[in-house]
């Protein structure tokens, strides 16, 4: 439901069979969430402050994150042994 369009539903004075808007919103909340109130009631200002704080923490964490170590399953070429080097000396170049 779009909160901008809820004002159009607030005409209970013109149409007395309609429920006032605050009660209508409470009914919708109860119908959707099966409880009367949220577990954690916060103001919009609190929610915005928390969001900004979390964004700042995330940005700081990403900024100071250490470089990732190289993956351990990278295939490395096999190390040369002395017998391999001696065999290369017999090539006539």
C-alpha atoms as a PDB file:
ATOM      1  CA  UNK A   1       0.000   0.000   0.000  1.00  0.00           C
ATOM      2  CA  UNK A   2       1.321   3.415  -0.939  1.00  0.00           C
ATOM      3  CA  UNK A   3       1.416   5.749   2.118  1.00  0.00           C
ATOM      4  CA  UNK A   4       0.929   8.780  -0.155  1.00  0.00           C
ATOM      5  CA  UNK A   5      -2.487   7.484  -1.178  1.00  0.00           C
ATOM      6  CA  UNK A   6      -3.730   6.806   2.363  1.00  0.00           C
ATOM      7  CA  UNK A   7      -4.953  10.403   2.665  1.00  0.00           C
ATOM      8  CA  UNK A   8      -7.609   9.663   0.032  1.00  0.00           C
ATOM      9  CA  UNK A   9      -9.041   7.025   2.328  1.00  0.00           C
ATOM     10  CA  UNK A  10      -9.430   9.534   5.186  1.00  0.00           C
ATOM     11  CA  UNK A  11     -12.940  10.671   4.308  1.00  0.00           C
ATOM     12  CA  UNK A  12     -14.821   9.077   7.185  1.00  0.00           C
ATOM     13  CA  UNK A  13     -16.615  12.377   7.881  1.00  0.00           C
ATOM     14  CA  UNK A  14     -18.188  12.372   4.423  1.00  0.00           C
ATOM     15  CA  UNK A  15     -18.857   8.648   4.464  1.00  0.00           C
ATOM     16  CA  UNK A  16     -19.756   7.722   8.047  1.00  0.00           C
ATOM     17  CA  UNK A  17     -19.720   3.953   7.400  1.00  0.00           C
ATOM     18  CA  UNK A  18     -15.959   4.100   6.885  1.00  0.00           C
ATOM     19  CA  UNK A  19     -13.552   3.607   9.770  1.00  0.00           C
ATOM     20  CA  UNK A  20     -11.277   6.586  10.644  1.00  0.00           C
ATOM     21  CA  UNK A  21      -7.846   6.323   9.027  1.00  0.00           C
ATOM     22  CA  UNK A  22      -5.803   5.524  12.180  1.00  0.00           C
ATOM     23  CA  UNK A  23      -8.132   2.635  13.022  1.00  0.00           C
ATOM     24  CA  UNK A  24      -8.048   1.465   9.403  1.00  0.00           C
ATOM     25  CA  UNK A  25      -4.229   1.368   9.493  1.00  0.00           C
ATOM     26  CA  UNK A  26      -4.337  -0.576  12.771  1.00  0.00           C
ATOM     27  CA  UNK A  27      -6.732  -3.105  11.213  1.00  0.00           C
ATOM     28  CA  UNK A  28      -4.456  -3.536   8.198  1.00  0.00           C
ATOM     29  CA  UNK A  29      -1.410  -4.029  10.433  1.00  0.00           C
ATOM     30  CA  UNK A  30      -3.214  -6.609  12.564  1.00  0.00           C
ATOM     31  CA  UNK A  31      -4.452  -8.428   9.471  1.00  0.00           C
ATOM     32  CA  UNK A  32      -1.009  -8.527   7.851  1.00  0.00           C
ATOM     33  CA  UNK A  33       1.316  -9.144  10.824  1.00  0.00           C
ATOM     34  CA  UNK A  34      -1.107 -10.939  13.200  1.00  0.00           C
ATOM     35  CA  UNK A  35      -0.144  -8.638  16.091  1.00  0.00           C
ATOM     36  CA  UNK A  36      -1.268  -5.220  17.263  1.00  0.00           C
ATOM     37  CA  UNK A  37       2.092  -3.443  17.499  1.00  0.00           C
ATOM     38  CA  UNK A  38       5.629  -3.934  16.233  1.00  0.00           C
ATOM     39  CA  UNK A  39       8.104  -5.528  18.638  1.00  0.00           C
ATOM     40  CA  UNK A  40      10.416  -2.528  18.454  1.00  0.00           C
ATOM     41  CA  UNK A  41       8.558   0.799  18.093  1.00  0.00           C
ATOM     42  CA  UNK A  42      10.856   3.534  16.762  1.00  0.00           C
ATOM     43  CA  UNK A  43      10.280   6.992  15.340  1.00  0.00           C
ATOM     44  CA  UNK A  44      11.233   7.821  11.773  1.00  0.00           C
ATOM     45  CA  UNK A  45      14.063   9.994  13.093  1.00  0.00           C
ATOM     46  CA  UNK A  46      15.427   7.038  15.085  1.00  0.00           C
ATOM     47  CA  UNK A  47      15.204   4.739  12.073  1.00  0.00           C
ATOM     48  CA  UNK A  48      17.062   7.246   9.863  1.00  0.00           C
ATOM     49  CA  UNK A  49      19.773   7.805  12.507  1.00  0.00           C
ATOM     50  CA  UNK A  50      20.245   4.037  12.865  1.00  0.00           C
ATOM     51  CA  UNK A  51      20.437   3.626   9.087  1.00  0.00           C
ATOM     52  CA  UNK A  52      23.083   6.361   8.749  1.00  0.00           C
ATOM     53  CA  UNK A  53      25.091   4.878  11.641  1.00  0.00           C
ATOM     54  CA  UNK A  54      25.011   1.415  10.058  1.00  0.00           C
ATOM     55  CA  UNK A  55      26.062   2.819   6.680  1.00  0.00           C
ATOM     56  CA  UNK A  56      28.991   4.653   8.290  1.00  0.00           C
ATOM     57  CA  UNK A  57      30.055   1.502  10.135  1.00  0.00           C
ATOM     58  CA  UNK A  58      29.853  -0.545   6.939  1.00  0.00           C
ATOM     59  CA  UNK A  59      31.851   2.045   4.991  1.00  0.00           C
ATOM     60  CA  UNK A  60      34.519   2.120   7.695  1.00  0.00           C
ATOM     61  CA  UNK A  61      34.681  -1.668   7.830  1.00  0.00           C
ATOM     62  CA  UNK A  62      35.088  -1.878   4.045  1.00  0.00           C
ATOM     63  CA  UNK A  63      37.710   0.875   4.067  1.00  0.00           C
ATOM     64  CA  UNK A  64      39.880  -0.786   6.733  1.00  0.00           C
ATOM     65  CA  UNK A  65      39.380  -4.364   5.624  1.00  0.00           C
ATOM     66  CA  UNK A  66      42.756  -6.144   5.182  1.00  0.00           C
ATOM     67  CA  UNK A  67      43.648  -7.524   1.800  1.00  0.00           C
ATOM     68  CA  UNK A  68      42.396 -11.027   1.187  1.00  0.00           C
ATOM     69  CA  UNK A  69      45.056 -13.749   1.328  1.00  0.00           C
ATOM     70  CA  UNK A  70      45.614 -15.666  -1.906  1.00  0.00           C
ATOM     71  CA  UNK A  71      43.468 -18.753  -2.293  1.00  0.00           C
ATOM     72  CA  UNK A  72      45.142 -21.952  -1.156  1.00  0.00           C
ATOM     73  CA  UNK A  73      43.891 -24.167  -3.953  1.00  0.00           C
ATOM     74  CA  UNK A  74      45.877 -22.387  -6.669  1.00  0.00           C
ATOM     75  CA  UNK A  75      47.861 -24.847  -8.785  1.00  0.00           C
ATOM     76  CA  UNK A  76      51.563 -24.118  -8.698  1.00  0.00           C
ATOM     77  CA  UNK A  77      54.045 -25.621 -11.145  1.00  0.00           C
ATOM     78  CA  UNK A  78      56.040 -28.513  -9.671  1.00  0.00           C
ATOM     79  CA  UNK A  79      59.457 -27.618  -8.297  1.00  0.00           C
ATOM     80  CA  UNK A  80      62.463 -28.695 -10.358  1.00  0.00           C
ATOM     81  CA  UNK A  81      64.660 -31.403  -8.894  1.00  0.00           C
ATOM     82  CA  UNK A  82      68.401 -31.899  -9.464  1.00  0.00           C
ATOM     83  CA  UNK A  83      67.752 -34.902 -11.703  1.00  0.00           C
ATOM     84  CA  UNK A  84      65.585 -32.727 -13.998  1.00  0.00           C
ATOM     85  CA  UNK A  85      68.355 -30.138 -14.349  1.00  0.00           C
ATOM     86  CA  UNK A  86      70.977 -32.785 -15.152  1.00  0.00           C
ATOM     87  CA  UNK A  87      68.793 -34.212 -17.915  1.00  0.00           C
ATOM     88  CA  UNK A  88      68.541 -30.750 -19.499  1.00  0.00           C
ATOM     89  CA  UNK A  89      72.387 -30.556 -19.841  1.00  0.00           C
ATOM     90  CA  UNK A  90      72.339 -33.338 -22.426  1.00  0.00           C
ATOM     91  CA  UNK A  91      70.350 -31.280 -24.925  1.00  0.00           C
ATOM     92  CA  UNK A  92      72.725 -30.206 -27.756  1.00  0.00           C
ATOM     93  CA  UNK A  93      71.868 -26.529 -28.159  1.00  0.00           C
END
